[in-house]
Protein backbone atom coordinates (compact mmCIF):
# COMPACT_ATOMS: atom_id res chain seq x y z
CA MET A 1 106.03 -38.39 -105.50
CA THR A 2 109.61 -39.47 -106.56
CA ASP A 3 110.66 -39.74 -103.30
CA ASP A 4 111.60 -43.91 -102.71
CA THR A 5 110.94 -43.39 -98.91
CA ARG A 6 107.46 -41.85 -98.56
CA TRP A 7 105.92 -44.88 -98.16
CA GLN A 8 107.45 -46.07 -95.47
CA LEU A 9 105.69 -42.60 -93.46
CA LEU A 10 103.09 -45.10 -94.15
CA LEU A 11 104.34 -47.53 -91.53
CA PRO A 12 103.98 -47.65 -88.15
CA SER A 13 107.03 -46.13 -86.74
CA GLY A 14 108.24 -49.82 -84.90
CA LEU A 15 107.32 -51.25 -88.17
CA ARG A 16 110.31 -49.05 -89.92
CA ASN A 17 112.82 -50.01 -87.46
CA LEU A 18 112.26 -53.66 -88.26
CA PRO A 19 115.11 -54.92 -90.28
CA ALA A 20 114.28 -56.68 -93.83
CA ASP A 21 116.45 -60.59 -92.73
CA LEU A 22 113.31 -60.45 -90.19
CA ALA A 23 110.40 -58.97 -91.53
CA ALA A 24 110.81 -61.50 -93.84
CA VAL A 25 110.84 -63.89 -91.03
CA VAL A 26 108.59 -63.08 -89.22
CA VAL A 27 106.17 -63.38 -92.45
CA LEU A 28 108.02 -66.84 -93.38
CA VAL A 29 106.50 -67.43 -90.06
CA PHE A 30 102.79 -67.09 -90.69
CA LEU A 31 102.51 -68.59 -93.96
CA THR A 32 103.39 -71.24 -92.01
CA ILE A 33 100.95 -70.76 -90.29
CA ALA A 34 98.62 -70.69 -92.12
CA ALA A 35 99.74 -73.53 -93.93
CA VAL A 36 99.35 -75.30 -90.91
CA VAL A 37 95.26 -74.01 -89.99
CA LEU A 38 93.53 -73.41 -93.11
CA PRO A 39 91.94 -76.09 -94.46
CA GLY A 40 92.53 -76.10 -98.19
CA ILE A 41 96.36 -76.15 -98.01
CA ARG A 42 96.53 -78.61 -94.33
CA THR A 43 97.34 -81.65 -96.40
CA THR A 44 98.97 -80.36 -99.25
CA PRO A 45 102.76 -80.93 -99.46
CA LEU A 46 102.90 -76.60 -98.90
CA ARG A 47 102.86 -78.03 -95.07
CA VAL A 48 105.96 -79.32 -95.57
CA LEU A 49 107.15 -76.95 -97.97
CA PHE A 50 106.54 -74.22 -95.48
CA GLY A 51 107.10 -76.36 -92.55
CA LEU A 52 110.85 -78.16 -92.95
CA PRO A 53 112.69 -73.89 -93.16
CA PHE A 54 110.48 -72.69 -90.24
CA VAL A 55 111.59 -76.01 -87.88
CA LEU A 56 115.11 -76.52 -89.28
CA PHE A 57 116.38 -72.59 -90.09
CA VAL A 58 113.87 -69.92 -88.59
CA PRO A 59 114.76 -70.49 -84.67
CA GLY A 60 118.18 -70.70 -85.65
CA TYR A 61 118.99 -67.97 -87.71
CA ALA A 62 117.07 -65.34 -85.28
CA PHE A 63 118.61 -66.95 -82.60
CA ILE A 64 121.43 -65.44 -84.62
CA ALA A 65 120.44 -62.93 -85.26
CA ALA A 66 119.79 -61.66 -81.27
CA LEU A 67 123.29 -62.74 -80.48
CA PHE A 68 124.94 -60.57 -83.32
CA PRO A 69 122.41 -57.39 -83.85
CA GLU A 70 123.37 -54.56 -86.71
CA GLN A 71 125.90 -52.14 -85.40
CA GLY A 72 123.38 -49.01 -84.38
CA HIS A 73 123.83 -45.30 -83.11
CA GLY A 74 123.25 -46.20 -80.07
CA PRO A 75 124.12 -44.56 -76.45
CA SER A 76 127.85 -46.18 -76.13
CA ASP A 77 127.88 -44.90 -79.86
CA GLU A 78 128.22 -40.88 -78.61
CA GLU A 79 131.49 -39.14 -79.26
CA THR A 80 132.92 -38.29 -75.33
CA PRO A 81 134.48 -35.54 -74.42
CA ASP A 82 137.32 -34.55 -74.14
CA ALA A 83 138.59 -35.55 -70.38
CA GLY A 84 141.47 -33.40 -71.25
């Protein structure tokens, strides 16, 4: 168990490929939903603390992340055989 990547094998394959920044956005979304829905937190300032970044930051960040994804290995990155 000295290998640091062993814990990733416990995750489904879809989650293994999820970038860390978008995973943080998903966590913020669930925290915001919890702050709005749960009765004990609904009336506290935590709702505003999670709600403002959700309204002001998350939509723009997710939009930019969708427009400019990381460079990955796709079909266009494969080596093409020489035509000569």
